[in-house]
Structure formats: C-alpha cells, structure tokens
Amino acid sequence: MKPTVFIHTSSHEIVSAKVAMYSHLRASTNLDKFDIKLIQLEDYPHLMKRHAQSCIRFGKEAAWYNDVPQSFLPLRFLVPQLMGYEGTAVLTDPDIFAVADVYELLTRNMEDKAILCRRFGDKSRGYNSSVMLLDCSKLRNWKWEEKIDEVFAGKFDIQDWISLRTEPEEIIGNFEEEWNDYDTLTQKTKLLHNTRQITQPWKTGLPFKEKNMNNHKKGEREETRHEKIYNIVKYNRYGKRRLLKSIKNIILYGEPNLYQKHPDVRQEKFFLSLLKESVSKGLVTSELLQSEVKQGHIRPDIFNLLQSVNYSPSEVLQTAEPINKTGA
C-alpha cells in the first residue's frame, strides 16, 4: 500500500478538510508516490452510535456528542487499521494546511519509532496527536473498535488516549514544530495548524459555543438567552464595554462570544486563496458552501470574501515572516 495522508473530519468541518486536501495536492511534487484520503465521522457507525454517551475526559465525567466540531478526534487511531497495519501514514486534523511537500515527512527515517509527532511544551500533557507520522506495522495493537468500547465503558480517560499518554514513551519520537505549526506562518512552516478554534478564518463572526468542546455533562440543559445575560452580568470581570458587547451578541446570536478574526491576516488570506482555488478546481462546490453557511459551519460572508480574493496561496506565502523575525 502506498504511503497515505489521512485527514479526519466530520460534516461540521468538511469544507476545511477538503481545503486541507487541496493544499497537499497543490504543495506536493510527488503526488504519484502517495495517496490522500478523508476519513469522515459519519461513515463510522461504531462511533456515531455513541452520541450523548458518557465518557471520562480531563478526569471528569463528560458526554460525547457527534454534532460538535471536534467529534471526529477518535478517528485518528483508526489509521493503522485502514492501512492493513503496513507502511507509513500521516494523520492530520482538518484545520491543517500544507505549506510544503508532505512527502518529505512520509519518507523520513523514523529511527525505529512507531509514532512521530510534536510534544506539548508542558510534558505532563503528553503529545499533540493532531499530526502524526505512523509506522503502521508497529501499531498492530491499535484495534479501533475495541478502544472505542473501552472509552465508553470508562476504562480510561479519552484525553489520555488523544494525547498518547496511553502509549509507551519509547515508541514515540518528536518531529520539528514546523510540521505542526500552531497558528504560526513563517518561511520555516511546513504544515500550518489553525488550532485556536475561536480564530479559525472560515468561522469569523459565527457564534462561538463553549459547549462544543465535548466535555460538558450529559443531559445538561441549554441556558436560555435571559439566563446567559443574567450570568455574564453577575460574573462580569471584563468591564462595561466587554459586558455590553457580550449582551448584544447574546441577543443577536444566542452566545456571548463570536469567532474572531485571525490576528495574522496572512493566515486568513492563505485559507481564502486555497478555498477559492478549491472551488475553481471543483473540489469544493458552491452548493456545498451554501449548505455549510446555512448550517452555521461557515461564515455567512464567505462568497463576498472569495470574490475579493485576487492573490494566490504562493503570493501569500511570499509574505511569510522571516524565520529569525525576533533576531533570536
């Protein structure tokens, strides 16, 4: 089996996943040597049927919901099984976009490790598994259906699984941060990860729902708009201007906070230029975009923004900040 890039997603993030796929098609000069595939939550009933079931996350009782943006996370551990426990694969989130040729990562020497990824700065948090290079032949113990059953039987904390704390340290190696560059775009970046959800460029202006983080209690009642206003007034710590803005957002959108504009305009431009080319190539259709806007997954001004895009991804990358921008 060819080395393969897997992008895992759900219907919530299907547009960004398709743009991520296109970014690899655009960035690589070795497309005949590897495959690129999407893994979509809705195609896996063994996880879909767990909607609203209890699990443990961050040491607390939580519920897992299929209709929130990050519901696809457990799919990342399905990759070795999909590869028949042979060969190498790269797994990425749907909010990660190729700046460089991923074939360089697919073919690197793993030095007998089963997994290469980026470690969190706080080592107690484990590893960030949102980008992983996998030697699938060394991960034959990743029996996905069995692990899903164990998670929802409360046998281990799902966050420990996601952060690879359930794996032996000796099988995990580190790769350079540019292969999972968190909201940072420089001349060194290879995979750009728009990891901070509240500033993802395709969602700017939409209501930001705290409950979409997948660790609220099962059956917890949704607050009414009046209750939300009462609570932010009661516990306000931000001053009058922020308070009034939050109240206005609740009245208009049902939530105190909205997705914000990305602080790096180049990253917004990079995504929009990739999306425009994805549409022109037919990988993302106008009908899909219209549907995703209607469902509240994509910012409503997306068509107007695309009309104003008169630059290519390559032109955006030419403006990437120099590697030694701080003089360090």
Protein backbone atom coordinates (compact mmCIF):
# COMPACT_ATOMS: atom_id res chain seq x y z
CA MET A 1 0.00 0.00 0.00
CA LYS A 2 1.20 3.49 -0.88
CA PRO A 3 2.12 5.87 1.92
CA THR A 4 -1.04 7.82 2.68
CA VAL A 5 -2.08 11.14 4.17
CA PHE A 6 -5.33 10.81 6.15
CA ILE A 7 -7.36 13.90 7.06
CA HIS A 8 -10.02 13.07 9.64
CA THR A 9 -13.13 15.18 9.85
CA SER A 10 -16.87 15.34 10.33
CA SER A 11 -19.68 17.06 8.45
CA HIS A 12 -19.01 20.14 10.64
CA GLU A 13 -15.50 20.56 9.23
CA ILE A 14 -15.89 19.09 5.75
CA VAL A 15 -15.05 22.34 3.92
CA SER A 16 -11.79 22.91 5.79
CA ALA A 17 -10.94 19.21 5.32
CA LYS A 18 -11.39 19.49 1.55
CA VAL A 19 -9.29 22.66 1.50
CA ALA A 20 -6.63 20.81 3.53
CA MET A 21 -6.68 18.03 0.95
CA TYR A 22 -6.30 20.55 -1.86
CA SER A 23 -3.39 22.19 -0.06
CA HIS A 24 -1.48 18.89 -0.28
CA LEU A 25 -2.35 18.47 -3.95
CA ARG A 26 -1.01 21.95 -4.57
CA ALA A 27 2.13 21.74 -2.43
CA SER A 28 3.49 18.35 -3.46
CA THR A 29 5.58 17.43 -6.48
CA ASN A 30 5.34 13.74 -5.57
CA LEU A 31 1.63 13.06 -5.93
CA ASP A 32 2.25 9.80 -7.78
CA LYS A 33 4.04 8.39 -4.74
CA PHE A 34 1.36 8.71 -2.04
CA ASP A 35 -2.40 8.86 -1.58
CA ILE A 36 -4.57 11.43 0.21
CA LYS A 37 -7.81 10.32 1.85
CA LEU A 38 -10.52 11.83 4.01
CA ILE A 39 -11.91 9.90 6.98
CA GLN A 40 -15.36 11.21 7.90
CA LEU A 41 -17.09 10.52 11.19
CA GLU A 42 -20.48 9.88 9.62
CA ASP A 43 -19.05 6.84 7.80
CA TYR A 44 -18.23 5.05 11.07
CA PRO A 45 -21.37 3.88 12.91
CA HIS A 46 -19.34 2.34 15.75
CA LEU A 47 -18.53 5.87 16.90
CA MET A 48 -21.66 7.60 15.63
CA LYS A 49 -23.87 5.42 17.83
CA ARG A 50 -22.07 6.80 20.91
CA HIS A 51 -23.83 10.14 20.60
CA ALA A 52 -24.55 11.58 24.11
CA GLN A 53 -22.94 8.60 25.84
CA SER A 54 -20.81 9.18 28.91
CA CYS A 55 -17.02 9.04 28.97
CA ILE A 56 -14.19 10.46 31.05
CA ARG A 57 -12.26 13.48 29.76
CA PHE A 58 -9.74 15.57 31.67
CA GLY A 59 -10.51 13.39 34.69
CA LYS A 60 -14.20 14.37 34.75
CA GLU A 61 -17.42 12.81 33.62
CA ALA A 62 -18.25 14.10 30.17
CA ALA A 63 -20.52 13.31 27.27
CA TRP A 64 -19.54 12.69 23.67
CA TYR A 65 -21.64 14.41 21.03
CA ASN A 66 -21.40 13.75 17.31
CA ASP A 67 -22.80 17.12 16.28
CA VAL A 68 -19.94 19.31 17.55
CA PRO A 69 -16.81 20.38 15.63
CA GLN A 70 -14.24 18.06 17.27
CA SER A 71 -16.32 14.89 17.38
CA PHE A 72 -14.00 13.22 14.86
CA LEU A 73 -10.98 13.05 17.21
CA PRO A 74 -11.08 9.26 17.93
CA LEU A 75 -10.91 8.54 14.18
CA ARG A 76 -7.15 9.31 14.23
CA PHE A 77 -6.48 5.96 15.88
CA LEU A 78 -8.17 4.10 13.04
CA VAL A 79 -5.37 4.84 10.55
CA PRO A 80 -3.13 1.76 11.10
CA GLN A 81 -6.17 -0.48 10.71
CA LEU A 82 -7.14 1.26 7.45
CA MET A 83 -3.58 0.73 6.23
CA GLY A 84 -3.77 -3.01 6.98
CA TYR A 85 -1.06 -2.46 9.61
CA GLU A 86 1.50 -1.91 6.86
CA GLY A 87 3.51 1.06 5.59
CA THR A 88 3.65 4.68 6.69
CA ALA A 89 0.89 7.23 7.03
CA VAL A 90 0.45 10.83 8.09
CA LEU A 91 -2.67 11.77 10.04
CA THR A 92 -3.82 15.39 10.29
CA ASP A 93 -6.73 17.41 11.61
CA PRO A 94 -8.98 19.17 9.06
CA ASP A 95 -7.65 22.59 10.10
CA ILE A 96 -4.08 21.87 8.99
CA PHE A 97 -2.87 23.13 5.62
CA ALA A 98 0.19 22.12 3.65
CA VAL A 99 2.77 24.80 3.01
CA ALA A 100 5.49 22.29 2.00
CA ASP A 101 5.52 18.84 0.40
CA VAL A 102 4.30 16.31 2.97
CA TYR A 103 6.16 13.56 1.10
CA GLU A 104 9.26 14.79 2.91
CA LEU A 105 7.61 13.74 6.18
CA LEU A 106 6.20 10.49 4.80
CA THR A 107 9.66 9.32 3.77
CA ARG A 108 11.76 10.41 6.73
CA ASN A 109 13.74 7.99 8.87
CA MET A 110 11.65 7.24 11.95
CA GLU A 111 14.63 5.71 13.77
CA ASP A 112 12.63 2.65 14.85
CA LYS A 113 9.84 4.72 16.43
CA ALA A 114 6.19 3.85 15.78
CA ILE A 115 4.96 7.45 16.06
CA LEU A 116 6.49 10.84 15.34
CA CYS A 117 4.60 13.95 16.45
CA ARG A 118 5.02 17.19 18.35
CA ARG A 119 5.23 17.15 22.12
CA PHE A 120 3.40 19.76 24.18
CA GLY A 121 5.60 22.31 25.91
CA ASP A 122 4.27 21.05 29.22
CA LYS A 123 5.47 17.44 29.06
CA SER A 124 2.84 16.32 31.56
CA ARG A 125 0.23 16.99 28.86
CA GLY A 126 1.73 14.35 26.60
CA TYR A 127 1.82 14.73 22.83
CA ASN A 128 -0.22 16.61 20.27
CA SER A 129 -1.60 13.86 18.05
CA SER A 130 -3.25 16.24 15.57
CA VAL A 131 -0.36 15.48 13.19
CA MET A 132 1.26 12.07 13.42
CA LEU A 133 3.67 10.15 11.24
CA LEU A 134 2.86 6.48 11.82
CA ASP A 135 4.72 3.26 11.13
CA CYS A 136 1.57 1.19 10.91
CA SER A 137 3.40 -2.14 11.14
CA LYS A 138 4.40 -1.22 14.71
CA LEU A 139 0.86 -0.35 15.80
CA ARG A 140 -0.92 -3.67 15.44
CA ASN A 141 -2.34 -3.24 18.93
CA TRP A 142 -4.44 -0.29 17.76
CA LYS A 143 -7.72 -2.20 17.49
CA TRP A 144 -10.04 0.73 16.97
CA GLU A 145 -13.44 -0.78 17.74
CA GLU A 146 -12.09 -2.33 20.95
CA LYS A 147 -10.64 1.02 22.08
CA ILE A 148 -13.93 2.81 21.39
CA ASP A 149 -15.76 0.23 23.50
CA GLU A 150 -13.26 0.72 26.33
CA VAL A 151 -13.52 4.52 26.22
CA PHE A 152 -17.28 4.45 26.62
CA ALA A 153 -17.05 1.79 29.31
CA GLY A 154 -14.99 4.33 31.30
CA LYS A 155 -11.86 2.19 31.32
CA PHE A 156 -9.58 5.16 30.57
CA ASP A 157 -9.68 8.91 30.07
CA ILE A 158 -10.24 9.80 26.43
CA GLN A 159 -7.89 12.76 26.76
CA ASP A 160 -5.08 10.42 27.82
CA TRP A 161 -5.74 8.48 24.61
CA ILE A 162 -5.81 11.60 22.42
CA SER A 163 -2.57 12.91 23.95
CA LEU A 164 -0.87 9.49 23.59
CA ARG A 165 -0.37 9.09 27.34
CA THR A 166 -1.71 5.55 26.92
CA GLU A 167 1.29 4.66 24.69
CA PRO A 168 4.78 3.62 25.87
CA GLU A 169 7.15 6.59 25.75
CA GLU A 170 9.81 4.57 23.95
CA ILE A 171 7.73 4.17 20.78
CA ILE A 172 7.15 7.93 20.34
CA GLY A 173 9.59 10.38 18.79
CA ASN A 174 9.44 14.12 18.19
CA PHE A 175 9.46 15.96 14.91
CA GLU A 176 10.16 19.63 14.33
CA GLU A 177 7.45 22.13 15.28
CA GLU A 178 7.12 23.31 11.67
CA TRP A 179 5.32 20.03 10.88
CA ASN A 180 2.54 21.16 13.23
CA ASP A 181 2.95 24.93 13.40
CA TYR A 182 0.31 26.35 15.74
CA ASP A 183 -1.21 29.47 14.16
CA THR A 184 2.29 30.47 13.03
CA LEU A 185 3.28 31.10 9.43
CA THR A 186 6.97 31.69 8.70
CA GLN A 187 9.38 30.71 5.95
CA LYS A 188 10.05 27.57 8.01
CA THR A 189 6.42 26.39 8.31
CA LYS A 190 5.59 23.11 6.58
CA LEU A 191 2.10 22.34 7.95
CA LEU A 192 0.10 25.32 9.20
CA HIS A 193 -2.31 24.41 12.01
CA ASN A 194 -5.12 26.88 12.66
CA THR A 195 -5.53 25.22 16.03
CA ARG A 196 -7.15 28.04 18.01
CA GLN A 197 -10.77 27.43 17.19
CA ILE A 198 -12.07 30.88 18.02
CA THR A 199 -9.87 32.48 15.30
CA GLN A 200 -10.32 29.93 12.50
CA PRO A 201 -10.69 32.07 9.35
CA TRP A 202 -13.68 30.20 7.89
CA LYS A 203 -15.80 30.84 11.01
CA THR A 204 -15.26 34.53 11.77
CA GLY A 205 -18.42 36.18 13.06
CA LEU A 206 -20.29 32.97 13.87
CA PRO A 207 -21.49 32.30 17.45
CA PHE A 208 -18.78 30.56 19.49
CA LYS A 209 -20.35 27.87 21.65
CA GLU A 210 -18.34 26.82 24.69
CA LYS A 211 -20.34 23.60 24.90
CA ASN A 212 -18.92 22.48 21.56
CA MET A 213 -15.72 21.47 23.35
CA ASN A 214 -17.12 17.98 24.09
CA ASN A 215 -16.59 17.92 27.85
CA HIS A 216 -19.86 19.12 29.30
CA LYS A 217 -22.10 16.88 31.36
CA LYS A 218 -24.52 14.54 29.66
CA GLY A 219 -28.05 15.92 29.63
CA GLU A 220 -27.03 19.38 30.82
CA ARG A 221 -29.78 21.82 29.92
CA GLU A 222 -29.03 24.63 27.48
CA GLU A 223 -29.31 28.04 29.13
CA THR A 224 -31.88 30.46 27.76
CA ARG A 225 -30.72 33.83 26.45
CA HIS A 226 -32.09 35.52 29.58
CA GLU A 227 -30.08 33.14 31.78
CA LYS A 228 -26.92 33.78 29.79
CA ILE A 229 -27.35 37.55 30.15
CA TYR A 230 -28.02 37.20 33.87
CA ASN A 231 -24.90 35.08 34.38
CA ILE A 232 -22.50 37.33 32.47
CA VAL A 233 -23.83 40.38 34.34
CA LYS A 234 -23.48 38.58 37.65
CA TYR A 235 -19.95 37.30 37.00
CA ASN A 236 -18.68 40.05 34.69
CA ARG A 237 -14.92 40.60 35.02
CA TYR A 238 -14.23 42.47 31.79
CA GLY A 239 -15.63 45.97 32.23
CA LYS A 240 -18.62 47.77 30.79
CA ARG A 241 -17.62 47.72 27.09
CA ARG A 242 -16.99 43.97 27.01
CA LEU A 243 -20.17 43.34 29.00
CA LEU A 244 -22.35 45.35 26.62
CA LYS A 245 -20.80 43.62 23.62
CA SER A 246 -21.48 40.19 25.15
CA ILE A 247 -25.10 41.11 25.89
CA LYS A 248 -25.56 42.32 22.29
CA ASN A 249 -24.08 39.06 20.96
CA ILE A 250 -26.45 37.00 23.10
CA ILE A 251 -29.47 38.99 21.87
CA LEU A 252 -28.42 38.74 18.21
CA TYR A 253 -26.69 35.36 18.03
CA GLY A 254 -27.53 33.46 21.21
CA GLU A 255 -23.95 33.36 22.53
CA PRO A 256 -21.80 35.96 24.37
CA ASN A 257 -18.77 35.35 22.16
CA LEU A 258 -18.26 35.19 18.41
CA TYR A 259 -15.49 33.62 16.37
CA GLN A 260 -12.88 36.32 15.96
CA LYS A 261 -10.79 37.49 13.03
CA HIS A 262 -7.44 35.73 12.93
CA PRO A 263 -4.74 38.06 14.27
CA ASP A 264 -2.46 37.18 11.34
CA VAL A 265 -4.11 38.45 8.18
CA ARG A 266 -1.74 36.32 6.07
CA GLN A 267 -3.23 33.14 7.51
CA GLU A 268 -6.74 34.32 6.66
CA LYS A 269 -5.56 35.16 3.15
CA PHE A 270 -3.82 31.80 2.81
CA PHE A 271 -7.00 29.92 3.67
CA LEU A 272 -9.24 32.08 1.47
CA SER A 273 -6.90 31.74 -1.52
CA LEU A 274 -6.78 27.95 -1.04
CA LEU A 275 -10.57 27.83 -0.78
CA LYS A 276 -11.02 29.92 -3.93
CA GLU A 277 -8.76 27.56 -5.89
CA SER A 278 -10.55 24.54 -4.35
CA VAL A 279 -13.82 25.93 -5.68
CA SER A 280 -12.37 26.66 -9.12
CA LYS A 281 -11.00 23.09 -9.29
CA GLY A 282 -14.34 21.59 -8.25
CA LEU A 283 -13.07 20.05 -5.02
CA VAL A 284 -15.41 22.34 -3.06
CA THR A 285 -18.69 23.16 -4.80
CA SER A 286 -20.74 26.31 -4.41
CA GLU A 287 -23.64 24.10 -3.35
CA LEU A 288 -21.58 22.64 -0.51
CA LEU A 289 -20.53 26.12 0.63
CA GLN A 290 -24.12 27.35 0.57
CA SER A 291 -25.22 24.33 2.61
CA GLU A 292 -22.44 24.83 5.17
CA VAL A 293 -23.29 28.52 5.53
CA LYS A 294 -26.94 27.61 6.09
CA GLN A 295 -25.96 25.10 8.79
CA GLY A 296 -23.78 27.66 10.56
CA HIS A 297 -20.49 25.88 9.86
CA ILE A 298 -19.05 28.55 7.56
CA ARG A 299 -19.09 32.35 7.93
CA PRO A 300 -22.02 33.89 6.03
CA ASP A 301 -19.89 36.42 4.12
CA ILE A 302 -17.72 33.72 2.53
CA PHE A 303 -18.92 34.30 -1.06
CA ASN A 304 -18.26 38.04 -0.85
CA LEU A 305 -14.80 37.36 0.56
CA LEU A 306 -13.95 34.91 -2.23
CA GLN A 307 -14.93 37.49 -4.84
CA SER A 308 -12.37 39.87 -3.37
CA VAL A 309 -9.51 37.34 -3.42
CA ASN A 310 -7.09 38.48 -6.14
CA TYR A 311 -3.98 36.69 -4.87
CA SER A 312 -2.73 33.12 -4.89
CA PRO A 313 -1.53 30.96 -1.97
CA SER A 314 2.00 31.29 -3.35
CA GLU A 315 1.80 35.07 -3.25
CA VAL A 316 0.61 34.92 0.37
CA LEU A 317 3.49 32.63 1.31
CA GLN A 318 5.97 35.05 -0.19
CA THR A 319 4.95 37.45 2.56
CA ALA A 320 5.55 34.91 5.36
CA GLU A 321 7.57 36.36 8.19
CA PRO A 322 11.29 35.55 8.14
CA ILE A 323 12.45 32.68 10.34
CA ASN A 324 14.56 34.91 12.56
CA LYS A 325 11.99 37.69 12.84
CA THR A 326 12.79 38.33 16.53
CA GLY A 327 16.51 38.44 15.94
CA ALA A 328 17.00 35.37 18.09
